[in-house]
Amino acid sequence: MKWIGQHIVDFIARFRSDVYLENIADGTVDSDKFLGLDSNNKIVKEAVSKADINALDITEVGTIDSGMWQGTAIASAYLDADTVHLSVDQEITSKTQINKRKFSTVGASTGDCEGDIIYLGTDATSHVAGNIYTLNDSNQWVITDADVTATSIGLLAIAMGTSAIGDGMCVRGMANLNTTFADSPANGAILYLDGATPGAATGTAPTGNGDTVRVLGYKVGSGTRMWFNPDNTFVEVTA
């Protein structure tokens, strides 16, 4: 009788287009399992491994609203459309097109900079964040002084910390210096390399005999903030 009943069930299952499961109790789905049809259209249970899932080709475009990435929750900021968040150092070796670079007025900490940073050279004898230095022929950073030609006509950079290689040297960008600008320049005014205070900028061009007049950029924002973009040319004063 059981054998006959089984054949009746098989017969119905093969000729009905829909299969209904009635009075099924709620339960917990076995881990990594799913139901499907085999080659004979029989309902079977199959295990799915993580490797199987990783091998899938995802072709649909969509938005991830929540989830985990390598065991860490995905913050909503990382899911915003058209937004890239890079919180660690990155190296891009292929061509990269950036149509707009946004530089904001930097914070109040001396040595803050948004722009082009280089990481090289031996630290100055007194390497202070926010001071301006020049790189000499011994690959050492030396404090600038418009009264001394050797420290005013070469590559200039603002120290972002106490280490050139560790913290970086800002060669161009929005920056916050360590020393108040001499002569109280107005916002947007030209700033020059200072000859009175080493490593500083001033609102008035040096006038002493032998002084180097070199434009550093412009005062932007409050305090000692500026757009740092040293001119490649300079003038030596003869008085």
C-alpha atoms as a PDB file:
ATOM      1  CA  MET A   1       0.000   0.000   0.000  1.00  0.00           C
ATOM      2  CA  LYS A   2       2.857   2.354   0.868  1.00  0.00           C
ATOM      3  CA  TRP A   3       4.458   1.540  -2.483  1.00  0.00           C
ATOM      4  CA  ILE A   4       1.251   2.387  -4.331  1.00  0.00           C
ATOM      5  CA  GLY A   5       0.896   5.646  -2.391  1.00  0.00           C
ATOM      6  CA  GLN A   6       4.391   6.690  -3.284  1.00  0.00           C
ATOM      7  CA  HIS A   7       3.727   6.150  -6.968  1.00  0.00           C
ATOM      8  CA  ILE A   8       0.550   8.210  -6.717  1.00  0.00           C
ATOM      9  CA  VAL A   9       2.546  11.071  -5.148  1.00  0.00           C
ATOM     10  CA  ASP A  10       5.215  10.755  -7.848  1.00  0.00           C
ATOM     11  CA  PHE A  11       2.561  10.816 -10.538  1.00  0.00           C
ATOM     12  CA  ILE A  12       0.894  13.957  -9.127  1.00  0.00           C
ATOM     13  CA  ALA A  13       4.225  15.745  -8.595  1.00  0.00           C
ATOM     14  CA  ARG A  14       5.273  15.149 -12.184  1.00  0.00           C
ATOM     15  CA  PHE A  15       2.057  16.403 -13.777  1.00  0.00           C
ATOM     16  CA  ARG A  16       1.203  19.374 -11.544  1.00  0.00           C
ATOM     17  CA  SER A  17       2.852  22.625 -12.516  1.00  0.00           C
ATOM     18  CA  ASP A  18       2.771  23.895  -8.907  1.00  0.00           C
ATOM     19  CA  VAL A  19       3.841  22.166  -5.726  1.00  0.00           C
ATOM     20  CA  TYR A  20       2.309  23.215  -2.439  1.00  0.00           C
ATOM     21  CA  LEU A  21       3.651  22.444   1.022  1.00  0.00           C
ATOM     22  CA  GLU A  22       0.927  22.759   3.628  1.00  0.00           C
ATOM     23  CA  ASN A  23       1.020  23.012   7.415  1.00  0.00           C
ATOM     24  CA  ILE A  24       4.784  23.609   7.529  1.00  0.00           C
ATOM     25  CA  ALA A  25       5.981  24.648  10.961  1.00  0.00           C
ATOM     26  CA  ASP A  26       8.355  27.584  11.441  1.00  0.00           C
ATOM     27  CA  GLY A  27      11.977  26.676  12.038  1.00  0.00           C
ATOM     28  CA  THR A  28      15.602  27.583  11.481  1.00  0.00           C
ATOM     29  CA  VAL A  29      17.113  27.052   8.046  1.00  0.00           C
ATOM     30  CA  ASP A  30      20.169  24.844   8.154  1.00  0.00           C
ATOM     31  CA  SER A  31      23.373  26.866   7.722  1.00  0.00           C
ATOM     32  CA  ASP A  32      24.592  27.188   4.122  1.00  0.00           C
ATOM     33  CA  LYS A  33      21.660  25.155   2.694  1.00  0.00           C
ATOM     34  CA  PHE A  34      19.005  25.889   0.118  1.00  0.00           C
ATOM     35  CA  LEU A  35      16.271  24.023  -1.744  1.00  0.00           C
ATOM     36  CA  GLY A  36      16.249  23.545  -5.481  1.00  0.00           C
ATOM     37  CA  LEU A  37      15.371  21.171  -8.342  1.00  0.00           C
ATOM     38  CA  ASP A  38      17.641  18.434  -9.634  1.00  0.00           C
ATOM     39  CA  SER A  39      17.790  17.299 -13.284  1.00  0.00           C
ATOM     40  CA  ASN A  40      14.606  15.281 -12.737  1.00  0.00           C
ATOM     41  CA  ASN A  41      12.789  18.302 -11.295  1.00  0.00           C
ATOM     42  CA  LYS A  42      12.878  16.743  -7.865  1.00  0.00           C
ATOM     43  CA  ILE A  43      13.095  19.052  -4.847  1.00  0.00           C
ATOM     44  CA  VAL A  44      16.477  18.572  -3.205  1.00  0.00           C
ATOM     45  CA  LYS A  45      18.540  20.219  -0.474  1.00  0.00           C
ATOM     46  CA  GLU A  46      22.023  21.372  -1.415  1.00  0.00           C
ATOM     47  CA  ALA A  47      24.860  22.812   0.641  1.00  0.00           C
ATOM     48  CA  VAL A  48      26.463  26.083  -0.502  1.00  0.00           C
ATOM     49  CA  SER A  49      30.031  26.919   0.484  1.00  0.00           C
ATOM     50  CA  LYS A  50      31.585  30.358   0.842  1.00  0.00           C
ATOM     51  CA  ALA A  51      33.778  29.515  -2.149  1.00  0.00           C
ATOM     52  CA  ASP A  52      30.652  28.900  -4.240  1.00  0.00           C
ATOM     53  CA  ILE A  53      29.307  32.333  -3.306  1.00  0.00           C
ATOM     54  CA  ASN A  54      32.637  34.061  -3.971  1.00  0.00           C
ATOM     55  CA  ALA A  55      32.745  32.493  -7.433  1.00  0.00           C
ATOM     56  CA  LEU A  56      29.447  34.102  -8.472  1.00  0.00           C
ATOM     57  CA  ASP A  57      29.537  36.889 -11.083  1.00  0.00           C
ATOM     58  CA  ILE A  58      27.422  39.827  -9.907  1.00  0.00           C
ATOM     59  CA  THR A  59      26.109  41.592 -12.985  1.00  0.00           C
ATOM     60  CA  GLU A  60      23.297  43.698 -11.529  1.00  0.00           C
ATOM     61  CA  VAL A  61      23.941  47.271 -10.385  1.00  0.00           C
ATOM     62  CA  GLY A  62      22.556  48.261  -7.019  1.00  0.00           C
ATOM     63  CA  THR A  63      23.163  49.987  -3.693  1.00  0.00           C
ATOM     64  CA  ILE A  64      24.400  48.322  -0.523  1.00  0.00           C
ATOM     65  CA  ASP A  65      22.328  49.732   2.314  1.00  0.00           C
ATOM     66  CA  SER A  66      24.012  47.913   5.190  1.00  0.00           C
ATOM     67  CA  GLY A  67      26.229  44.983   5.933  1.00  0.00           C
ATOM     68  CA  MET A  68      29.645  43.800   6.999  1.00  0.00           C
ATOM     69  CA  TRP A  69      33.005  44.074   5.246  1.00  0.00           C
ATOM     70  CA  GLN A  70      35.668  41.702   6.535  1.00  0.00           C
ATOM     71  CA  GLY A  71      33.915  41.536   9.877  1.00  0.00           C
ATOM     72  CA  THR A  72      33.507  45.293  10.230  1.00  0.00           C
ATOM     73  CA  ALA A  73      30.219  47.114   9.886  1.00  0.00           C
ATOM     74  CA  ILE A  74      29.982  49.314   6.783  1.00  0.00           C
ATOM     75  CA  ALA A  75      29.507  52.904   7.936  1.00  0.00           C
ATOM     76  CA  SER A  76      26.806  54.878   6.142  1.00  0.00           C
ATOM     77  CA  ALA A  77      29.381  57.450   5.005  1.00  0.00           C
ATOM     78  CA  TYR A  78      31.003  54.774   2.859  1.00  0.00           C
ATOM     79  CA  LEU A  79      27.723  54.023   1.127  1.00  0.00           C
ATOM     80  CA  ASP A  80      26.885  57.533  -0.067  1.00  0.00           C
ATOM     81  CA  ALA A  81      26.589  57.827  -3.819  1.00  0.00           C
ATOM     82  CA  ASP A  82      29.624  59.140  -5.716  1.00  0.00           C
ATOM     83  CA  THR A  83      31.696  59.439  -2.537  1.00  0.00           C
ATOM     84  CA  VAL A  84      35.141  57.966  -1.995  1.00  0.00           C
ATOM     85  CA  HIS A  85      36.457  57.611   1.549  1.00  0.00           C
ATOM     86  CA  LEU A  86      40.117  56.663   1.960  1.00  0.00           C
ATOM     87  CA  SER A  87      41.222  56.691   5.576  1.00  0.00           C
ATOM     88  CA  VAL A  88      44.618  55.040   5.092  1.00  0.00           C
ATOM     89  CA  ASP A  89      47.574  55.642   2.763  1.00  0.00           C
ATOM     90  CA  GLN A  90      46.923  54.621  -0.834  1.00  0.00           C
ATOM     91  CA  GLU A  91      49.198  54.074  -3.828  1.00  0.00           C
ATOM     92  CA  ILE A  92      47.798  54.597  -7.307  1.00  0.00           C
ATOM     93  CA  THR A  93      50.236  53.458  -9.990  1.00  0.00           C
ATOM     94  CA  SER A  94      48.043  53.921 -13.053  1.00  0.00           C
ATOM     95  CA  LYS A  95      46.779  57.102 -14.707  1.00  0.00           C
ATOM     96  CA  THR A  96      44.372  59.057 -12.524  1.00  0.00           C
ATOM     97  CA  GLN A  97      42.205  61.951 -13.642  1.00  0.00           C
ATOM     98  CA  ILE A  98      41.036  64.345 -10.938  1.00  0.00           C
ATOM     99  CA  ASN A  99      39.110  67.192 -12.510  1.00  0.00           C
ATOM    100  CA  LYS A 100      38.811  69.264  -9.350  1.00  0.00           C
ATOM    101  CA  ARG A 101      40.988  69.323  -6.220  1.00  0.00           C
ATOM    102  CA  LYS A 102      39.346  70.931  -3.222  1.00  0.00           C
ATOM    103  CA  PHE A 103      41.571  72.814  -0.778  1.00  0.00           C
ATOM    104  CA  SER A 104      39.866  74.225   2.299  1.00  0.00           C
ATOM    105  CA  THR A 105      41.110  76.717   4.854  1.00  0.00           C
ATOM    106  CA  VAL A 106      43.111  74.539   7.226  1.00  0.00           C
ATOM    107  CA  GLY A 107      42.647  74.157  10.967  1.00  0.00           C
ATOM    108  CA  ALA A 108      44.278  76.064  13.789  1.00  0.00           C
ATOM    109  CA  SER A 109      47.182  73.647  14.353  1.00  0.00           C
ATOM    110  CA  THR A 110      50.529  74.944  13.128  1.00  0.00           C
ATOM    111  CA  GLY A 111      51.861  72.943  10.226  1.00  0.00           C
ATOM    112  CA  ASP A 112      48.422  71.941   8.971  1.00  0.00           C
ATOM    113  CA  CYS A 113      48.435  71.705   5.182  1.00  0.00           C
ATOM    114  CA  GLU A 114      46.155  70.587   2.362  1.00  0.00           C
ATOM    115  CA  GLY A 115      48.032  70.284  -0.893  1.00  0.00           C
ATOM    116  CA  ASP A 116      51.212  68.792  -2.305  1.00  0.00           C
ATOM    117  CA  ILE A 117      53.320  67.051   0.342  1.00  0.00           C
ATOM    118  CA  ILE A 118      56.765  65.513  -0.057  1.00  0.00           C
ATOM    119  CA  TYR A 119      58.411  63.041   2.322  1.00  0.00           C
ATOM    120  CA  LEU A 120      62.173  63.291   1.994  1.00  0.00           C
ATOM    121  CA  GLY A 121      65.326  64.870   3.381  1.00  0.00           C
ATOM    122  CA  THR A 122      67.098  64.998   6.717  1.00  0.00           C
ATOM    123  CA  ASP A 123      65.360  66.950   9.465  1.00  0.00           C
ATOM    124  CA  ALA A 124      66.601  70.425  10.284  1.00  0.00           C
ATOM    125  CA  THR A 125      68.613  70.951  13.456  1.00  0.00           C
ATOM    126  CA  SER A 126      65.466  72.470  14.925  1.00  0.00           C
ATOM    127  CA  HIS A 127      62.567  71.026  12.944  1.00  0.00           C
ATOM    128  CA  VAL A 128      59.385  72.860  13.997  1.00  0.00           C
ATOM    129  CA  ALA A 129      55.897  72.434  12.551  1.00  0.00           C
ATOM    130  CA  GLY A 130      54.748  75.531  10.691  1.00  0.00           C
ATOM    131  CA  ASN A 131      58.224  76.896   9.972  1.00  0.00           C
ATOM    132  CA  ILE A 132      59.485  77.373   6.401  1.00  0.00           C
ATOM    133  CA  TYR A 133      62.597  75.444   5.363  1.00  0.00           C
ATOM    134  CA  THR A 134      64.771  75.059   2.271  1.00  0.00           C
ATOM    135  CA  LEU A 135      66.469  71.882   1.098  1.00  0.00           C
ATOM    136  CA  ASN A 136      70.239  72.264   0.838  1.00  0.00           C
ATOM    137  CA  ASP A 137      72.795  70.363  -1.268  1.00  0.00           C
ATOM    138  CA  SER A 138      73.303  67.864   1.575  1.00  0.00           C
ATOM    139  CA  ASN A 139      69.621  66.895   1.383  1.00  0.00           C
ATOM    140  CA  GLN A 140      68.956  68.536   4.755  1.00  0.00           C
ATOM    141  CA  TRP A 141      66.198  70.977   5.537  1.00  0.00           C
ATOM    142  CA  VAL A 142      67.503  74.352   6.749  1.00  0.00           C
ATOM    143  CA  ILE A 143      65.478  77.234   8.215  1.00  0.00           C
ATOM    144  CA  THR A 144      64.867  80.051   5.705  1.00  0.00           C
ATOM    145  CA  ASP A 145      66.141  83.610   6.041  1.00  0.00           C
ATOM    146  CA  ALA A 146      65.700  86.261   3.358  1.00  0.00           C
ATOM    147  CA  ASP A 147      68.947  87.872   4.560  1.00  0.00           C
ATOM    148  CA  VAL A 148      70.893  84.773   3.458  1.00  0.00           C
ATOM    149  CA  THR A 149      70.867  83.892  -0.245  1.00  0.00           C
ATOM    150  CA  ALA A 150      71.628  80.204   0.314  1.00  0.00           C
ATOM    151  CA  THR A 151      68.518  79.742   2.458  1.00  0.00           C
ATOM    152  CA  SER A 152      66.072  81.686   0.339  1.00  0.00           C
ATOM    153  CA  ILE A 153      66.428  80.782  -3.357  1.00  0.00           C
ATOM    154  CA  GLY A 154      66.020  76.983  -3.418  1.00  0.00           C
ATOM    155  CA  LEU A 155      63.165  74.550  -2.849  1.00  0.00           C
ATOM    156  CA  LEU A 156      60.944  75.808  -0.015  1.00  0.00           C
ATOM    157  CA  ALA A 157      58.505  73.841   2.122  1.00  0.00           C
ATOM    158  CA  ILE A 158      56.539  74.142   5.340  1.00  0.00           C
ATOM    159  CA  ALA A 159      57.206  71.535   8.013  1.00  0.00           C
ATOM    160  CA  MET A 160      54.034  69.651   8.906  1.00  0.00           C
ATOM    161  CA  GLY A 161      55.564  68.212  12.058  1.00  0.00           C
ATOM    162  CA  THR A 162      58.905  67.394  13.620  1.00  0.00           C
ATOM    163  CA  SER A 163      59.903  64.843  10.965  1.00  0.00           C
ATOM    164  CA  ALA A 164      60.290  65.508   7.239  1.00  0.00           C
ATOM    165  CA  ILE A 165      59.849  61.864   6.280  1.00  0.00           C
ATOM    166  CA  GLY A 166      57.310  60.979   8.943  1.00  0.00           C
ATOM    167  CA  ASP A 167      55.079  64.087   8.867  1.00  0.00           C
ATOM    168  CA  GLY A 168      55.899  65.526   5.461  1.00  0.00           C
ATOM    169  CA  MET A 169      56.862  68.887   3.984  1.00  0.00           C
ATOM    170  CA  CYS A 170      54.226  71.019   2.239  1.00  0.00           C
ATOM    171  CA  VAL A 171      55.576  72.468  -1.013  1.00  0.00           C
ATOM    172  CA  ARG A 172      52.253  73.898  -2.187  1.00  0.00           C
ATOM    173  CA  GLY A 173      48.796  74.289  -0.716  1.00  0.00           C
ATOM    174  CA  MET A 174      46.673  75.776   2.042  1.00  0.00           C
ATOM    175  CA  ALA A 175      48.806  75.942   5.175  1.00  0.00           C
ATOM    176  CA  ASN A 176      49.019  77.337   8.692  1.00  0.00           C
ATOM    177  CA  LEU A 177      52.381  78.792   9.696  1.00  0.00           C
ATOM    178  CA  ASN A 178      54.028  78.917  13.092  1.00  0.00           C
ATOM    179  CA  THR A 179      54.792  82.661  13.301  1.00  0.00           C
ATOM    180  CA  THR A 180      52.475  85.668  13.001  1.00  0.00           C
ATOM    181  CA  PHE A 181      52.939  87.546   9.726  1.00  0.00           C
ATOM    182  CA  ALA A 182      54.901  90.761  10.130  1.00  0.00           C
ATOM    183  CA  ASP A 183      53.229  94.060   9.171  1.00  0.00           C
ATOM    184  CA  SER A 184      49.669  92.676   9.604  1.00  0.00           C
ATOM    185  CA  PRO A 185      48.873  91.901   5.943  1.00  0.00           C
ATOM    186  CA  ALA A 186      45.220  91.961   4.911  1.00  0.00           C
ATOM    187  CA  ASN A 187      43.382  88.897   3.709  1.00  0.00           C
ATOM    188  CA  GLY A 188      44.420  88.202   0.116  1.00  0.00           C
ATOM    189  CA  ALA A 189      47.664  90.204   0.428  1.00  0.00           C
ATOM    190  CA  ILE A 190      50.991  88.982  -0.966  1.00  0.00           C
ATOM    191  CA  LEU A 191      53.325  87.317   1.521  1.00  0.00           C
ATOM    192  CA  TYR A 192      57.115  87.331   1.192  1.00  0.00           C
ATOM    193  CA  LEU A 193      59.928  85.350   2.718  1.00  0.00           C
ATOM    194  CA  ASP A 194      60.896  87.094   5.952  1.00  0.00           C
ATOM    195  CA  GLY A 195      64.426  88.315   6.669  1.00  0.00           C
ATOM    196  CA  ALA A 196      63.789  89.418  10.241  1.00  0.00           C
ATOM    197  CA  THR A 197      62.341  86.166  11.595  1.00  0.00           C
ATOM    198  CA  PRO A 198      63.811  82.893  10.259  1.00  0.00           C
ATOM    199  CA  GLY A 199      61.271  80.450   8.848  1.00  0.00           C
ATOM    200  CA  ALA A 200      58.506  83.036   8.659  1.00  0.00           C
ATOM    201  CA  ALA A 201      56.534  85.065   6.128  1.00  0.00           C
ATOM    202  CA  THR A 202      55.930  88.800   6.058  1.00  0.00           C
ATOM    203  CA  GLY A 203      53.530  91.200   4.412  1.00  0.00           C
ATOM    204  CA  THR A 204      56.312  93.558   3.335  1.00  0.00           C
ATOM    205  CA  ALA A 205      59.109  92.754   0.910  1.00  0.00           C
ATOM    206  CA  PRO A 206      62.619  92.902   2.433  1.00  0.00           C
ATOM    207  CA  THR A 207      64.584  96.050   1.532  1.00  0.00           C
ATOM    208  CA  GLY A 208      68.043  95.486   2.999  1.00  0.00           C
ATOM    209  CA  ASN A 209      71.107  95.231   0.808  1.00  0.00           C
ATOM    210  CA  GLY A 210      71.608  91.627  -0.279  1.00  0.00           C
ATOM    211  CA  ASP A 211      68.130  90.572   0.898  1.00  0.00           C
ATOM    212  CA  THR A 212      66.189  88.142  -1.269  1.00  0.00           C
ATOM    213  CA  VAL A 213      62.697  89.203  -2.289  1.00  0.00           C
ATOM    214  CA  ARG A 214      60.677  86.082  -2.948  1.00  0.00           C
ATOM    215  CA  VAL A 215      56.902  85.790  -3.062  1.00  0.00           C
ATOM    216  CA  LEU A 216      55.582  82.868  -0.985  1.00  0.00           C
ATOM    217  CA  GLY A 217      51.880  83.158  -1.711  1.00  0.00           C
ATOM    218  CA  TYR A 218      48.905  84.980  -0.219  1.00  0.00           C
ATOM    219  CA  LYS A 219      47.265  85.393   3.151  1.00  0.00           C
ATOM    220  CA  VAL A 220      44.018  83.428   3.170  1.00  0.00           C
ATOM    221  CA  GLY A 221      41.816  83.210   6.244  1.00  0.00           C
ATOM    222  CA  SER A 222      42.507  84.265   9.798  1.00  0.00           C
ATOM    223  CA  GLY A 223      45.676  84.120  11.856  1.00  0.00           C
ATOM    224  CA  THR A 224      48.706  82.589  10.127  1.00  0.00           C
ATOM    225  CA  ARG A 225      46.832  80.763   7.390  1.00  0.00           C
ATOM    226  CA  MET A 226      47.951  81.224   3.808  1.00  0.00           C
ATOM    227  CA  TRP A 227      47.993  79.854   0.284  1.00  0.00           C
ATOM    228  CA  PHE A 228      51.595  78.643   0.024  1.00  0.00           C
ATOM    229  CA  ASN A 229      52.931  78.617  -3.522  1.00  0.00           C
ATOM    230  CA  PRO A 230      56.525  79.946  -3.622  1.00  0.00           C
ATOM    231  CA  ASP A 231      57.523  81.758  -6.788  1.00  0.00           C
ATOM    232  CA  ASN A 232      60.323  80.101  -8.750  1.00  0.00           C
ATOM    233  CA  THR A 233      61.924  83.487  -9.306  1.00  0.00           C
ATOM    234  CA  PHE A 234      63.446  85.962  -6.848  1.00  0.00           C
ATOM    235  CA  VAL A 235      65.076  89.386  -6.711  1.00  0.00           C
ATOM    236  CA  GLU A 236      68.232  90.269  -4.762  1.00  0.00           C
ATOM    237  CA  VAL A 237      68.135  93.786  -3.334  1.00  0.00           C
ATOM    238  CA  THR A 238      70.974  96.187  -4.018  1.00  0.00           C
ATOM    239  CA  ALA A 239      70.687  99.202  -1.721  1.00  0.00           C
END
